[in-house]
Amino acid sequence: RWTAPRRARAGAPRALASTNRMLTALFYATYPVL
């Protein structure tokens, strides 16, 4: 039920995976700055 809307839209699963990677990278980039 949670993932049905994402699975129904073309590209949404790939966007979720990309968002996961980008957010992870963002945190690991901001830490040394701090």
PDB file of all heavy atoms in Angstrom:
ATOM      1  N   ARG A   1       0.833  -1.210   0.000  1.00  0.00           N
ATOM      2  CA  ARG A   1       0.000   0.000   0.000  1.00  0.00           C
ATOM      3  C   ARG A   1       0.868   1.260   0.000  1.00  0.00           C
ATOM      4  O   ARG A   1       0.595   2.224  -0.709  1.00  0.00           O
ATOM      5  CB  ARG A   1      -0.943  -0.033   1.205  1.00  0.00           C
ATOM      6  CG  ARG A   1      -2.006   1.044   1.173  1.00  0.00           C
ATOM      7  CD  ARG A   1      -3.041   0.917   2.295  1.00  0.00           C
ATOM      8  NE  ARG A   1      -2.437   0.844   3.620  1.00  0.00           N
ATOM      9  CZ  ARG A   1      -2.516  -0.211   4.431  1.00  0.00           C
ATOM     10  NH1 ARG A   1      -3.164  -1.292   4.056  1.00  0.00           N
ATOM     11  NH2 ARG A   1      -1.934  -0.193   5.622  1.00  0.00           N
ATOM     12  N   TRP A   2       1.934   1.260   0.814  1.00  0.00           N
ATOM     13  CA  TRP A   2       2.816   2.430   0.881  1.00  0.00           C
ATOM     14  C   TRP A   2       3.519   2.697  -0.444  1.00  0.00           C
ATOM     15  O   TRP A   2       3.760   3.843  -0.809  1.00  0.00           O
ATOM     16  CB  TRP A   2       3.893   2.247   1.942  1.00  0.00           C
ATOM     17  CG  TRP A   2       3.419   2.126   3.349  1.00  0.00           C
ATOM     18  CD1 TRP A   2       2.231   2.562   3.879  1.00  0.00           C
ATOM     19  CD2 TRP A   2       4.126   1.513   4.430  1.00  0.00           C
ATOM     20  NE1 TRP A   2       2.159   2.262   5.205  1.00  0.00           N
ATOM     21  CE2 TRP A   2       3.313   1.612   5.579  1.00  0.00           C
ATOM     22  CE3 TRP A   2       5.357   0.886   4.530  1.00  0.00           C
ATOM     23  CZ2 TRP A   2       3.703   1.125   6.818  1.00  0.00           C
ATOM     24  CZ3 TRP A   2       5.743   0.393   5.768  1.00  0.00           C
ATOM     25  CH2 TRP A   2       4.930   0.519   6.899  1.00  0.00           C
ATOM     26  N   THR A   3       3.891   1.649  -1.136  1.00  0.00           N
ATOM     27  CA  THR A   3       4.702   1.812  -2.344  1.00  0.00           C
ATOM     28  C   THR A   3       3.892   1.825  -3.633  1.00  0.00           C
ATOM     29  O   THR A   3       4.447   2.148  -4.686  1.00  0.00           O
ATOM     30  CB  THR A   3       5.776   0.707  -2.437  1.00  0.00           C
ATOM     31  OG1 THR A   3       5.141  -0.571  -2.470  1.00  0.00           O
ATOM     32  CG2 THR A   3       6.749   0.795  -1.269  1.00  0.00           C
ATOM     33  N   ALA A   4       2.614   1.490  -3.572  1.00  0.00           N
ATOM     34  CA  ALA A   4       1.790   1.433  -4.788  1.00  0.00           C
ATOM     35  C   ALA A   4       1.827   2.734  -5.594  1.00  0.00           C
ATOM     36  O   ALA A   4       2.005   2.696  -6.816  1.00  0.00           O
ATOM     37  CB  ALA A   4       0.349   1.040  -4.446  1.00  0.00           C
ATOM     38  N   PRO A   5       1.688   3.907  -4.959  1.00  0.00           N
ATOM     39  CA  PRO A   5       1.735   5.144  -5.764  1.00  0.00           C
ATOM     40  C   PRO A   5       3.080   5.339  -6.475  1.00  0.00           C
ATOM     41  O   PRO A   5       3.123   5.848  -7.593  1.00  0.00           O
ATOM     42  CB  PRO A   5       1.513   6.259  -4.739  1.00  0.00           C
ATOM     43  CG  PRO A   5       0.859   5.593  -3.570  1.00  0.00           C
ATOM     44  CD  PRO A   5       1.385   4.179  -3.564  1.00  0.00           C
ATOM     45  N   ARG A   6       4.158   4.920  -5.850  1.00  0.00           N
ATOM     46  CA  ARG A   6       5.478   5.064  -6.469  1.00  0.00           C
ATOM     47  C   ARG A   6       5.666   4.058  -7.598  1.00  0.00           C
ATOM     48  O   ARG A   6       6.258   4.363  -8.614  1.00  0.00           O
ATOM     49  CB  ARG A   6       6.566   4.899  -5.422  1.00  0.00           C
ATOM     50  CG  ARG A   6       6.728   6.145  -4.582  1.00  0.00           C
ATOM     51  CD  ARG A   6       7.021   5.815  -3.133  1.00  0.00           C
ATOM     52  NE  ARG A   6       6.771   6.958  -2.288  1.00  0.00           N
ATOM     53  CZ  ARG A   6       5.604   7.200  -1.693  1.00  0.00           C
ATOM     54  NH1 ARG A   6       4.582   6.413  -1.855  1.00  0.00           N
ATOM     55  NH2 ARG A   6       5.457   8.253  -0.933  1.00  0.00           N
ATOM     56  N   ARG A   7       5.171   2.871  -7.400  1.00  0.00           N
ATOM     57  CA  ARG A   7       5.293   1.842  -8.435  1.00  0.00           C
ATOM     58  C   ARG A   7       4.431   2.167  -9.648  1.00  0.00           C
ATOM     59  O   ARG A   7       4.761   1.766 -10.761  1.00  0.00           O
ATOM     60  CB  ARG A   7       4.910   0.473  -7.873  1.00  0.00           C
ATOM     61  CG  ARG A   7       5.894  -0.051  -6.850  1.00  0.00           C
ATOM     62  CD  ARG A   7       5.475  -1.419  -6.322  1.00  0.00           C
ATOM     63  NE  ARG A   7       6.221  -1.810  -5.152  1.00  0.00           N
ATOM     64  CZ  ARG A   7       7.453  -2.314  -5.168  1.00  0.00           C
ATOM     65  NH1 ARG A   7       8.075  -2.488  -6.297  1.00  0.00           N
ATOM     66  NH2 ARG A   7       8.063  -2.637  -4.041  1.00  0.00           N
ATOM     67  N   ALA A   8       3.340   2.904  -9.437  1.00  0.00           N
ATOM     68  CA  ALA A   8       2.403   3.206 -10.522  1.00  0.00           C
ATOM     69  C   ALA A   8       2.917   4.297 -11.457  1.00  0.00           C
ATOM     70  O   ALA A   8       2.455   4.403 -12.593  1.00  0.00           O
ATOM     71  CB  ALA A   8       1.047   3.620  -9.941  1.00  0.00           C
ATOM     72  N   ARG A   9       3.849   5.118 -10.990  1.00  0.00           N
ATOM     73  CA  ARG A   9       4.359   6.205 -11.823  1.00  0.00           C
ATOM     74  C   ARG A   9       5.707   5.831 -12.415  1.00  0.00           C
ATOM     75  O   ARG A   9       6.617   5.415 -11.689  1.00  0.00           O
ATOM     76  CB  ARG A   9       4.504   7.487 -11.001  1.00  0.00           C
ATOM     77  CG  ARG A   9       3.160   8.097 -10.655  1.00  0.00           C
ATOM     78  CD  ARG A   9       3.333   9.427 -10.023  1.00  0.00           C
ATOM     79  NE  ARG A   9       4.141   9.263  -8.802  1.00  0.00           N
ATOM     80  CZ  ARG A   9       4.212  10.146  -7.842  1.00  0.00           C
ATOM     81  NH1 ARG A   9       3.572  11.265  -7.935  1.00  0.00           N
ATOM     82  NH2 ARG A   9       4.957   9.915  -6.784  1.00  0.00           N
ATOM     83  N   ALA A  10       5.807   6.017 -13.697  1.00  0.00           N
ATOM     84  CA  ALA A  10       7.070   5.711 -14.385  1.00  0.00           C
ATOM     85  C   ALA A  10       8.184   6.578 -13.798  1.00  0.00           C
ATOM     86  O   ALA A  10       8.027   7.782 -13.614  1.00  0.00           O
ATOM     87  CB  ALA A  10       6.928   5.991 -15.879  1.00  0.00           C
ATOM     88  N   GLY A  11       9.275   5.954 -13.483  1.00  0.00           N
ATOM     89  CA  GLY A  11      10.441   6.675 -12.974  1.00  0.00           C
ATOM     90  C   GLY A  11      10.424   6.924 -11.475  1.00  0.00           C
ATOM     91  O   GLY A  11      11.448   7.309 -10.912  1.00  0.00           O
ATOM     92  N   ALA A  12       9.294   6.744 -10.812  1.00  0.00           N
ATOM     93  CA  ALA A  12       9.224   7.026  -9.377  1.00  0.00           C
ATOM     94  C   ALA A  12      10.117   6.103  -8.548  1.00  0.00           C
ATOM     95  O   ALA A  12      10.793   6.584  -7.628  1.00  0.00           O
ATOM     96  CB  ALA A  12       7.785   6.991  -8.886  1.00  0.00           C
ATOM     97  N   PRO A  13      10.157   4.795  -8.836  1.00  0.00           N
ATOM     98  CA  PRO A  13      11.085   3.955  -8.055  1.00  0.00           C
ATOM     99  C   PRO A  13      12.543   4.390  -8.226  1.00  0.00           C
ATOM    100  O   PRO A  13      13.306   4.435  -7.253  1.00  0.00           O
ATOM    101  CB  PRO A  13      10.858   2.549  -8.617  1.00  0.00           C
ATOM    102  CG  PRO A  13       9.454   2.575  -9.119  1.00  0.00           C
ATOM    103  CD  PRO A  13       9.287   3.971  -9.685  1.00  0.00           C
ATOM    104  N   ARG A  14      12.917   4.760  -9.434  1.00  0.00           N
ATOM    105  CA  ARG A  14      14.286   5.226  -9.679  1.00  0.00           C
ATOM    106  C   ARG A  14      14.529   6.549  -8.949  1.00  0.00           C
ATOM    107  O   ARG A  14      15.603   6.781  -8.396  1.00  0.00           O
ATOM    108  CB  ARG A  14      14.531   5.359 -11.179  1.00  0.00           C
ATOM    109  CG  ARG A  14      15.969   5.655 -11.514  1.00  0.00           C
ATOM    110  CD  ARG A  14      16.288   5.584 -13.003  1.00  0.00           C
ATOM    111  NE  ARG A  14      15.348   6.309 -13.842  1.00  0.00           N
ATOM    112  CZ  ARG A  14      14.489   5.738 -14.697  1.00  0.00           C
ATOM    113  NH1 ARG A  14      14.462   4.434 -14.837  1.00  0.00           N
ATOM    114  NH2 ARG A  14      13.666   6.467 -15.426  1.00  0.00           N
ATOM    115  N   ALA A  15      13.517   7.415  -8.913  1.00  0.00           N
ATOM    116  CA  ALA A  15      13.649   8.692  -8.206  1.00  0.00           C
ATOM    117  C   ALA A  15      13.833   8.467  -6.704  1.00  0.00           C
ATOM    118  O   ALA A  15      14.622   9.170  -6.064  1.00  0.00           O
ATOM    119  CB  ALA A  15      12.430   9.571  -8.472  1.00  0.00           C
ATOM    120  N   LEU A  16      13.110   7.500  -6.151  1.00  0.00           N
ATOM    121  CA  LEU A  16      13.262   7.189  -4.724  1.00  0.00           C
ATOM    122  C   LEU A  16      14.684   6.704  -4.433  1.00  0.00           C
ATOM    123  O   LEU A  16      15.317   7.155  -3.479  1.00  0.00           O
ATOM    124  CB  LEU A  16      12.247   6.129  -4.289  1.00  0.00           C
ATOM    125  CG  LEU A  16      12.349   5.699  -2.825  1.00  0.00           C
ATOM    126  CD1 LEU A  16      11.874   6.808  -1.898  1.00  0.00           C
ATOM    127  CD2 LEU A  16      11.549   4.437  -2.597  1.00  0.00           C
ATOM    128  N   ALA A  17      15.181   5.811  -5.259  1.00  0.00           N
ATOM    129  CA  ALA A  17      16.546   5.296  -5.071  1.00  0.00           C
ATOM    130  C   ALA A  17      17.575   6.425  -5.218  1.00  0.00           C
ATOM    131  O   ALA A  17      18.536   6.501  -4.448  1.00  0.00           O
ATOM    132  CB  ALA A  17      16.830   4.168  -6.052  1.00  0.00           C
ATOM    133  N   SER A  18      17.359   7.317  -6.180  1.00  0.00           N
ATOM    134  CA  SER A  18      18.275   8.455  -6.375  1.00  0.00           C
ATOM    135  C   SER A  18      18.221   9.407  -5.187  1.00  0.00           C
ATOM    136  O   SER A  18      19.252   9.911  -4.744  1.00  0.00           O
ATOM    137  CB  SER A  18      17.918   9.218  -7.655  1.00  0.00           C
ATOM    138  OG  SER A  18      18.153   8.417  -8.772  1.00  0.00           O
ATOM    139  N   THR A  19      17.022   9.654  -4.677  1.00  0.00           N
ATOM    140  CA  THR A  19      16.870  10.525  -3.514  1.00  0.00           C
ATOM    141  C   THR A  19      17.595   9.924  -2.312  1.00  0.00           C
ATOM    142  O   THR A  19      18.288  10.630  -1.576  1.00  0.00           O
ATOM    143  CB  THR A  19      15.382  10.739  -3.190  1.00  0.00           C
ATOM    144  OG1 THR A  19      14.750  11.342  -4.321  1.00  0.00           O
ATOM    145  CG2 THR A  19      15.193  11.626  -1.970  1.00  0.00           C
ATOM    146  N   ASN A  20      17.469   8.623  -2.122  1.00  0.00           N
ATOM    147  CA  ASN A  20      18.171   7.931  -1.049  1.00  0.00           C
ATOM    148  C   ASN A  20      19.683   8.141  -1.169  1.00  0.00           C
ATOM    149  O   ASN A  20      20.352   8.485  -0.197  1.00  0.00           O
ATOM    150  CB  ASN A  20      17.816   6.438  -1.086  1.00  0.00           C
ATOM    151  CG  ASN A  20      18.544   5.646  -0.036  1.00  0.00           C
ATOM    152  OD1 ASN A  20      18.323   5.824   1.150  1.00  0.00           O
ATOM    153  ND2 ASN A  20      19.442   4.773  -0.479  1.00  0.00           N
ATOM    154  N   ARG A  21      20.222   7.967  -2.362  1.00  0.00           N
ATOM    155  CA  ARG A  21      21.669   8.146  -2.582  1.00  0.00           C
ATOM    156  C   ARG A  21      22.088   9.601  -2.381  1.00  0.00           C
ATOM    157  O   ARG A  21      23.111   9.878  -1.749  1.00  0.00           O
ATOM    158  CB  ARG A  21      22.067   7.682  -3.981  1.00  0.00           C
ATOM    159  CG  ARG A  21      22.207   6.188  -4.117  1.00  0.00           C
ATOM    160  CD  ARG A  21      22.846   5.775  -5.444  1.00  0.00           C
ATOM    161  NE  ARG A  21      22.192   6.346  -6.613  1.00  0.00           N
ATOM    162  CZ  ARG A  21      21.104   5.850  -7.201  1.00  0.00           C
ATOM    163  NH1 ARG A  21      20.547   4.755  -6.728  1.00  0.00           N
ATOM    164  NH2 ARG A  21      20.581   6.427  -8.260  1.00  0.00           N
ATOM    165  N   MET A  22      21.304  10.535  -2.917  1.00  0.00           N
ATOM    166  CA  MET A  22      21.667  11.959  -2.806  1.00  0.00           C
ATOM    167  C   MET A  22      21.612  12.450  -1.359  1.00  0.00           C
ATOM    168  O   MET A  22      22.495  13.191  -0.923  1.00  0.00           O
ATOM    169  CB  MET A  22      20.766  12.811  -3.689  1.00  0.00           C
ATOM    170  CG  MET A  22      21.066  12.663  -5.169  1.00  0.00           C
ATOM    171  SD  MET A  22      20.162  13.806  -6.232  1.00  0.00           S
ATOM    172  CE  MET A  22      18.473  13.387  -5.861  1.00  0.00           C
ATOM    173  N   LEU A  23      20.586  12.037  -0.619  1.00  0.00           N
ATOM    174  CA  LEU A  23      20.505  12.460   0.779  1.00  0.00           C
ATOM    175  C   LEU A  23      21.651  11.875   1.592  1.00  0.00           C
ATOM    176  O   LEU A  23      22.240  12.566   2.430  1.00  0.00           O
ATOM    177  CB  LEU A  23      19.155  12.061   1.383  1.00  0.00           C
ATOM    178  CG  LEU A  23      17.949  12.862   0.901  1.00  0.00           C
ATOM    179  CD1 LEU A  23      16.654  12.263   1.421  1.00  0.00           C
ATOM    180  CD2 LEU A  23      18.080  14.326   1.307  1.00  0.00           C
ATOM    181  N   THR A  24      21.978  10.631   1.349  1.00  0.00           N
ATOM    182  CA  THR A  24      23.109  10.009   2.039  1.00  0.00           C
ATOM    183  C   THR A  24      24.388  10.783   1.745  1.00  0.00           C
ATOM    184  O   THR A  24      25.154  11.126   2.659  1.00  0.00           O
ATOM    185  CB  THR A  24      23.247   8.532   1.620  1.00  0.00           C
ATOM    186  OG1 THR A  24      22.039   7.844   1.969  1.00  0.00           O
ATOM    187  CG2 THR A  24      24.431   7.870   2.306  1.00  0.00           C
ATOM    188  N   ALA A  25      24.622  11.096   0.485  1.00  0.00           N
ATOM    189  CA  ALA A  25      25.818  11.851   0.096  1.00  0.00           C
ATOM    190  C   ALA A  25      25.818  13.245   0.717  1.00  0.00           C
ATOM    191  O   ALA A  25      26.873  13.731   1.155  1.00  0.00           O
ATOM    192  CB  ALA A  25      25.903  11.947  -1.428  1.00  0.00           C
ATOM    193  N   LEU A  26      24.664  13.880   0.777  1.00  0.00           N
ATOM    194  CA  LEU A  26      24.567  15.213   1.368  1.00  0.00           C
ATOM    195  C   LEU A  26      25.036  15.199   2.822  1.00  0.00           C
ATOM    196  O   LEU A  26      25.819  16.057   3.239  1.00  0.00           O
ATOM    197  CB  LEU A  26      23.124  15.722   1.286  1.00  0.00           C
ATOM    198  CG  LEU A  26      22.865  17.010   2.065  1.00  0.00           C
ATOM    199  CD1 LEU A  26      23.448  18.201   1.309  1.00  0.00           C
ATOM    200  CD2 LEU A  26      21.383  17.200   2.307  1.00  0.00           C
ATOM    201  N   PHE A  27      24.575  14.217   3.584  1.00  0.00           N
ATOM    202  CA  PHE A  27      24.977  14.158   4.995  1.00  0.00           C
ATOM    203  C   PHE A  27      26.459  13.896   5.143  1.00  0.00           C
ATOM    204  O   PHE A  27      27.119  14.506   5.984  1.00  0.00           O
ATOM    205  CB  PHE A  27      24.137  13.121   5.755  1.00  0.00           C
ATOM    206  CG  PHE A  27      22.791  13.662   6.096  1.00  0.00           C
ATOM    207  CD1 PHE A  27      21.694  13.343   5.316  1.00  0.00           C
ATOM    208  CD2 PHE A  27      22.629  14.536   7.150  1.00  0.00           C
ATOM    209  CE1 PHE A  27      20.451  13.870   5.596  1.00  0.00           C
ATOM    210  CE2 PHE A  27      21.387  15.076   7.441  1.00  0.00           C
ATOM    211  CZ  PHE A  27      20.293  14.745   6.665  1.00  0.00           C
ATOM    212  N   TYR A  28      26.998  13.009   4.327  1.00  0.00           N
ATOM    213  CA  TYR A  28      28.416  12.733   4.435  1.00  0.00           C
ATOM    214  C   TYR A  28      29.266  13.894   3.916  1.00  0.00           C
ATOM    215  O   TYR A  28      30.428  14.004   4.301  1.00  0.00           O
ATOM    216  CB  TYR A  28      28.759  11.401   3.769  1.00  0.00           C
ATOM    217  CG  TYR A  28      28.138  10.253   4.542  1.00  0.00           C
ATOM    218  CD1 TYR A  28      27.237   9.388   3.954  1.00  0.00           C
ATOM    219  CD2 TYR A  28      28.431  10.070   5.893  1.00  0.00           C
ATOM    220  CE1 TYR A  28      26.656   8.352   4.688  1.00  0.00           C
ATOM    221  CE2 TYR A  28      27.848   9.048   6.629  1.00  0.00           C
ATOM    222  CZ  TYR A  28      26.964   8.192   6.021  1.00  0.00           C
ATOM    223  OH  TYR A  28      26.385   7.188   6.748  1.00  0.00           O
ATOM    224  N   ALA A  29      28.698  14.770   3.110  1.00  0.00           N
ATOM    225  CA  ALA A  29      29.419  15.966   2.658  1.00  0.00           C
ATOM    226  C   ALA A  29      29.339  17.093   3.684  1.00  0.00           C
ATOM    227  O   ALA A  29      30.296  17.862   3.844  1.00  0.00           O
ATOM    228  CB  ALA A  29      28.861  16.441   1.314  1.00  0.00           C
ATOM    229  N   THR A  30      28.206  17.214   4.378  1.00  0.00           N
ATOM    230  CA  THR A  30      28.060  18.319   5.332  1.00  0.00           C
ATOM    231  C   THR A  30      28.822  18.085   6.638  1.00  0.00           C
ATOM    232  O   THR A  30      29.174  19.047   7.323  1.00  0.00           O
ATOM    233  CB  THR A  30      26.575  18.586   5.666  1.00  0.00           C
ATOM    234  OG1 THR A  30      26.008  17.431   6.275  1.00  0.00           O
ATOM    235  CG2 THR A  30      25.794  18.998   4.432  1.00  0.00           C
ATOM    236  N   TYR A  31      29.067  16.835   6.954  1.00  0.00           N
ATOM    237  CA  TYR A  31      29.755  16.539   8.217  1.00  0.00           C
ATOM    238  C   TYR A  31      31.174  17.119   8.259  1.00  0.00           C
ATOM    239  O   TYR A  31      31.529  17.813   9.226  1.00  0.00           O
ATOM    240  CB  TYR A  31      29.733  15.035   8.476  1.00  0.00           C
ATOM    241  CG  TYR A  31      30.208  14.625   9.843  1.00  0.00           C
ATOM    242  CD1 TYR A  31      29.724  15.230  11.002  1.00  0.00           C
ATOM    243  CD2 TYR A  31      31.132  13.600   9.985  1.00  0.00           C
ATOM    244  CE1 TYR A  31      30.152  14.835  12.253  1.00  0.00           C
ATOM    245  CE2 TYR A  31      31.560  13.187  11.236  1.00  0.00           C
ATOM    246  CZ  TYR A  31      31.066  13.811  12.369  1.00  0.00           C
ATOM    247  OH  TYR A  31      31.497  13.406  13.604  1.00  0.00           O
ATOM    248  N   PRO A  32      32.017  16.887   7.246  1.00  0.00           N
ATOM    249  CA  PRO A  32      33.355  17.491   7.311  1.00  0.00           C
ATOM    250  C   PRO A  32      33.317  19.024   7.309  1.00  0.00           C
ATOM    251  O   PRO A  32      34.182  19.668   7.914  1.00  0.00           O
ATOM    252  CB  PRO A  32      34.078  16.968   6.074  1.00  0.00           C
ATOM    253  CG  PRO A  32      33.183  16.017   5.407  1.00  0.00           C
ATOM    254  CD  PRO A  32      31.874  16.010   6.100  1.00  0.00           C
ATOM    255  N   VAL A  33      32.316  19.603   6.649  1.00  0.00           N
ATOM    256  CA  VAL A  33      32.182  21.067   6.663  1.00  0.00           C
ATOM    257  C   VAL A  33      31.979  21.533   8.102  1.00  0.00           C
ATOM    258  O   VAL A  33      32.614  22.495   8.559  1.00  0.00           O
ATOM    259  CB  VAL A  33      31.016  21.522   5.754  1.00  0.00           C
ATOM    260  CG1 VAL A  33      30.725  23.008   5.936  1.00  0.00           C
ATOM    261  CG2 VAL A  33      31.315  21.196   4.296  1.00  0.00           C
ATOM    262  N   LEU A  34      31.101  20.864   8.821  1.00  0.00           N
ATOM    263  CA  LEU A  34      30.859  21.212  10.226  1.00  0.00           C
ATOM    264  C   LEU A  34      32.131  21.051  11.056  1.00  0.00           C
ATOM    265  O   LEU A  34      32.481  21.941  11.841  1.00  0.00           O
ATOM    266  CB  LEU A  34      29.751  20.326  10.804  1.00  0.00           C
ATOM    267  CG  LEU A  34      29.534  20.432  12.319  1.00  0.00           C
ATOM    268  CD1 LEU A  34      29.076  21.826  12.704  1.00  0.00           C
ATOM    269  CD2 LEU A  34      28.550  19.367  12.778  1.00  0.00           C
TER     270      LEU A  34
END
